[in-house]
Amino acid sequence: MTSLSNCVDIQRSTPRGDLNCQKFFGIATGTIGFFSTLYSIGTYLGSCRDNLPTENIAGEDIEYGLGPALLCLIVATFLKVIDVIIHILVPVPLRNEDKDNVDLDVDEAKIGAPVASKRGGAGSITS
């Protein structure tokens, strides 16, 4: 569920899509994802891995180690901390509140609506 925070990272990568709510969700999902994954890894190591048999049928000792997949999961979990710190440090761009300088008209925001060019010319809509 918290891996959806990657969509927030993509949304915040453009000035137009970088909003306060995206910043909040990036921080919240990153923090929740970090702690829930860390808890899951701890549960696995404490409840599953530590309760595996220490000897095989022949009485020989068995040694267990962290596999590459678990090591990658641990690294990715701690990378979430960096992601949260970046969300905290990167400011949301200031918006120009002047209605005359708004780039996107309501009609242009509709899917499939033709985009009017302010210059005129081919493919533009003029009133």
C-alpha atoms as a PDB file:
ATOM      1  CA  MET A   1       0.000   0.000   0.000  1.00  0.00           C
ATOM      2  CA  THR A   2       2.706   2.473   0.916  1.00  0.00           C
ATOM      3  CA  SER A   3       4.651   1.689  -2.253  1.00  0.00           C
ATOM      4  CA  LEU A   4       2.148   4.003  -3.937  1.00  0.00           C
ATOM      5  CA  SER A   5       4.263   6.821  -2.566  1.00  0.00           C
ATOM      6  CA  ASN A   6       6.372   6.405  -5.707  1.00  0.00           C
ATOM      7  CA  CYS A   7       3.451   7.969  -7.596  1.00  0.00           C
ATOM      8  CA  VAL A   8       3.728  10.952  -5.264  1.00  0.00           C
ATOM      9  CA  ASP A   9       7.427  11.247  -6.132  1.00  0.00           C
ATOM     10  CA  ILE A  10       6.532  11.378  -9.821  1.00  0.00           C
ATOM     11  CA  GLN A  11       3.742  13.893  -9.201  1.00  0.00           C
ATOM     12  CA  ARG A  12       6.094  16.189  -7.261  1.00  0.00           C
ATOM     13  CA  SER A  13       8.686  16.102 -10.059  1.00  0.00           C
ATOM     14  CA  THR A  14       6.908  18.862 -12.005  1.00  0.00           C
ATOM     15  CA  PRO A  15       6.198  22.378 -10.699  1.00  0.00           C
ATOM     16  CA  ARG A  16       2.597  22.110 -11.877  1.00  0.00           C
ATOM     17  CA  GLY A  17       1.961  18.839 -10.022  1.00  0.00           C
ATOM     18  CA  ASP A  18       3.848  19.725  -6.842  1.00  0.00           C
ATOM     19  CA  LEU A  19       1.155  20.533  -4.298  1.00  0.00           C
ATOM     20  CA  ASN A  20       1.012  20.674  -0.509  1.00  0.00           C
ATOM     21  CA  CYS A  21      -1.147  17.553  -0.382  1.00  0.00           C
ATOM     22  CA  GLN A  22       1.424  15.648  -2.494  1.00  0.00           C
ATOM     23  CA  LYS A  23       4.167  16.713  -0.101  1.00  0.00           C
ATOM     24  CA  PHE A  24       2.092  15.566   2.884  1.00  0.00           C
ATOM     25  CA  PHE A  25       1.286  12.201   1.288  1.00  0.00           C
ATOM     26  CA  GLY A  26       4.944  11.713   0.356  1.00  0.00           C
ATOM     27  CA  ILE A  27       6.005  12.277   3.955  1.00  0.00           C
ATOM     28  CA  ALA A  28       3.145  10.260   5.467  1.00  0.00           C
ATOM     29  CA  THR A  29       3.332   7.216   3.182  1.00  0.00           C
ATOM     30  CA  GLY A  30       7.121   7.185   3.333  1.00  0.00           C
ATOM     31  CA  THR A  31       7.122   7.255   7.138  1.00  0.00           C
ATOM     32  CA  ILE A  32       4.378   4.641   7.457  1.00  0.00           C
ATOM     33  CA  GLY A  33       6.071   2.479   4.822  1.00  0.00           C
ATOM     34  CA  PHE A  34       9.422   2.678   6.590  1.00  0.00           C
ATOM     35  CA  PHE A  35       8.079   1.666   9.998  1.00  0.00           C
ATOM     36  CA  SER A  36       5.688  -1.023   8.729  1.00  0.00           C
ATOM     37  CA  THR A  37       8.366  -2.656   6.561  1.00  0.00           C
ATOM     38  CA  LEU A  38      10.936  -2.420   9.352  1.00  0.00           C
ATOM     39  CA  TYR A  39       8.430  -4.064  11.714  1.00  0.00           C
ATOM     40  CA  SER A  40       7.744  -6.818   9.154  1.00  0.00           C
ATOM     41  CA  ILE A  41      11.446  -7.523   8.696  1.00  0.00           C
ATOM     42  CA  GLY A  42      11.914  -7.620  12.466  1.00  0.00           C
ATOM     43  CA  THR A  43       8.983 -10.001  12.838  1.00  0.00           C
ATOM     44  CA  TYR A  44      10.399 -12.274  10.154  1.00  0.00           C
ATOM     45  CA  LEU A  45      13.863 -12.321  11.713  1.00  0.00           C
ATOM     46  CA  GLY A  46      12.527 -12.799  15.251  1.00  0.00           C
ATOM     47  CA  SER A  47       9.685 -15.233  14.678  1.00  0.00           C
ATOM     48  CA  CYS A  48      10.587 -17.155  11.554  1.00  0.00           C
ATOM     49  CA  ARG A  49      14.313 -17.174  10.948  1.00  0.00           C
ATOM     50  CA  ASP A  50      15.301 -17.584  14.606  1.00  0.00           C
ATOM     51  CA  ASN A  51      12.957 -20.572  15.005  1.00  0.00           C
ATOM     52  CA  LEU A  52      14.397 -22.605  12.132  1.00  0.00           C
ATOM     53  CA  PRO A  53      16.127 -25.867  13.060  1.00  0.00           C
ATOM     54  CA  THR A  54      19.825 -25.605  13.883  1.00  0.00           C
ATOM     55  CA  GLU A  55      20.667 -29.193  12.894  1.00  0.00           C
ATOM     56  CA  ASN A  56      19.772 -31.312   9.892  1.00  0.00           C
ATOM     57  CA  ILE A  57      18.643 -34.955  10.079  1.00  0.00           C
ATOM     58  CA  ALA A  58      22.246 -36.175  10.180  1.00  0.00           C
ATOM     59  CA  GLY A  59      22.987 -33.960  13.206  1.00  0.00           C
ATOM     60  CA  GLU A  60      25.149 -31.478  11.299  1.00  0.00           C
ATOM     61  CA  ASP A  61      24.917 -27.800  12.155  1.00  0.00           C
ATOM     62  CA  ILE A  62      22.944 -25.570   9.822  1.00  0.00           C
ATOM     63  CA  GLU A  63      23.909 -21.924   9.488  1.00  0.00           C
ATOM     64  CA  TYR A  64      21.470 -19.358   8.183  1.00  0.00           C
ATOM     65  CA  GLY A  65      22.306 -15.984   6.708  1.00  0.00           C
ATOM     66  CA  LEU A  66      20.483 -13.074   5.171  1.00  0.00           C
ATOM     67  CA  GLY A  67      19.892 -13.735   1.497  1.00  0.00           C
ATOM     68  CA  PRO A  68      20.279 -11.154  -1.249  1.00  0.00           C
ATOM     69  CA  ALA A  69      16.534 -10.503  -1.470  1.00  0.00           C
ATOM     70  CA  LEU A  70      16.252  -9.695   2.239  1.00  0.00           C
ATOM     71  CA  LEU A  71      19.358  -7.506   2.073  1.00  0.00           C
ATOM     72  CA  CYS A  72      17.851  -5.583  -0.868  1.00  0.00           C
ATOM     73  CA  LEU A  73      14.601  -5.182   1.091  1.00  0.00           C
ATOM     74  CA  ILE A  74      16.508  -3.791   4.077  1.00  0.00           C
ATOM     75  CA  VAL A  75      18.410  -1.326   1.860  1.00  0.00           C
ATOM     76  CA  ALA A  76      15.181  -0.239   0.134  1.00  0.00           C
ATOM     77  CA  THR A  77      13.527   0.226   3.519  1.00  0.00           C
ATOM     78  CA  PHE A  78      16.248   2.592   4.686  1.00  0.00           C
ATOM     79  CA  LEU A  79      16.142   4.456   1.367  1.00  0.00           C
ATOM     80  CA  LYS A  80      12.604   5.450   2.387  1.00  0.00           C
ATOM     81  CA  VAL A  81      14.171   7.621   5.100  1.00  0.00           C
ATOM     82  CA  ILE A  82      16.079   9.545   2.414  1.00  0.00           C
ATOM     83  CA  ASP A  83      12.867   9.879   0.398  1.00  0.00           C
ATOM     84  CA  VAL A  84      11.028  11.343   3.413  1.00  0.00           C
ATOM     85  CA  ILE A  85      13.882  13.764   4.142  1.00  0.00           C
ATOM     86  CA  ILE A  86      13.828  14.950   0.522  1.00  0.00           C
ATOM     87  CA  HIS A  87      10.044  15.488   0.722  1.00  0.00           C
ATOM     88  CA  ILE A  88      10.567  17.553   3.876  1.00  0.00           C
ATOM     89  CA  LEU A  89      13.413  19.647   2.430  1.00  0.00           C
ATOM     90  CA  VAL A  90      12.005  20.343  -1.057  1.00  0.00           C
ATOM     91  CA  PRO A  91       9.584  23.268  -0.851  1.00  0.00           C
ATOM     92  CA  VAL A  92       6.330  23.394  -2.762  1.00  0.00           C
ATOM     93  CA  PRO A  93       6.653  26.100  -5.461  1.00  0.00           C
ATOM     94  CA  LEU A  94       4.868  29.368  -4.861  1.00  0.00           C
ATOM     95  CA  ARG A  95       1.810  29.884  -7.011  1.00  0.00           C
ATOM     96  CA  ASN A  96       0.980  33.107  -8.783  1.00  0.00           C
ATOM     97  CA  GLU A  97      -2.540  33.856  -7.605  1.00  0.00           C
ATOM     98  CA  ASP A  98      -3.255  36.355 -10.395  1.00  0.00           C
ATOM     99  CA  LYS A  99      -6.108  34.947 -12.502  1.00  0.00           C
ATOM    100  CA  ASP A 100      -4.750  36.572 -15.672  1.00  0.00           C
ATOM    101  CA  ASN A 101      -1.569  34.504 -15.507  1.00  0.00           C
ATOM    102  CA  VAL A 102      -3.179  31.084 -15.147  1.00  0.00           C
ATOM    103  CA  ASP A 103      -1.736  28.766 -17.792  1.00  0.00           C
ATOM    104  CA  LEU A 104      -4.555  26.250 -17.991  1.00  0.00           C
ATOM    105  CA  ASP A 105      -8.062  27.269 -18.883  1.00  0.00           C
ATOM    106  CA  VAL A 106     -10.988  25.178 -17.601  1.00  0.00           C
ATOM    107  CA  ASP A 107     -11.928  24.106 -21.140  1.00  0.00           C
ATOM    108  CA  GLU A 108      -8.335  23.073 -21.852  1.00  0.00           C
ATOM    109  CA  ALA A 109      -8.307  20.852 -18.769  1.00  0.00           C
ATOM    110  CA  LYS A 110     -11.042  18.652 -20.196  1.00  0.00           C
ATOM    111  CA  ILE A 111      -9.770  15.494 -21.814  1.00  0.00           C
ATOM    112  CA  GLY A 112     -10.011  15.648 -25.583  1.00  0.00           C
ATOM    113  CA  ALA A 113     -10.724  19.394 -25.710  1.00  0.00           C
ATOM    114  CA  PRO A 114      -8.706  21.309 -28.303  1.00  0.00           C
ATOM    115  CA  VAL A 115      -5.999  23.526 -26.893  1.00  0.00           C
ATOM    116  CA  ALA A 116      -6.247  27.175 -27.853  1.00  0.00           C
ATOM    117  CA  SER A 117      -3.064  28.927 -28.806  1.00  0.00           C
ATOM    118  CA  LYS A 118      -2.651  32.533 -27.728  1.00  0.00           C
ATOM    119  CA  ARG A 119      -0.674  33.245 -30.918  1.00  0.00           C
ATOM    120  CA  GLY A 120      -3.283  32.014 -33.351  1.00  0.00           C
ATOM    121  CA  GLY A 121      -2.252  29.954 -36.345  1.00  0.00           C
ATOM    122  CA  ALA A 122      -2.820  26.391 -37.462  1.00  0.00           C
ATOM    123  CA  GLY A 123      -4.709  24.217 -35.046  1.00  0.00           C
ATOM    124  CA  SER A 124      -5.643  27.055 -32.738  1.00  0.00           C
ATOM    125  CA  ILE A 125      -9.064  28.240 -31.720  1.00  0.00           C
ATOM    126  CA  THR A 126      -9.800  31.920 -32.104  1.00  0.00           C
ATOM    127  CA  SER A 127     -12.821  33.750 -30.807  1.00  0.00           C
END
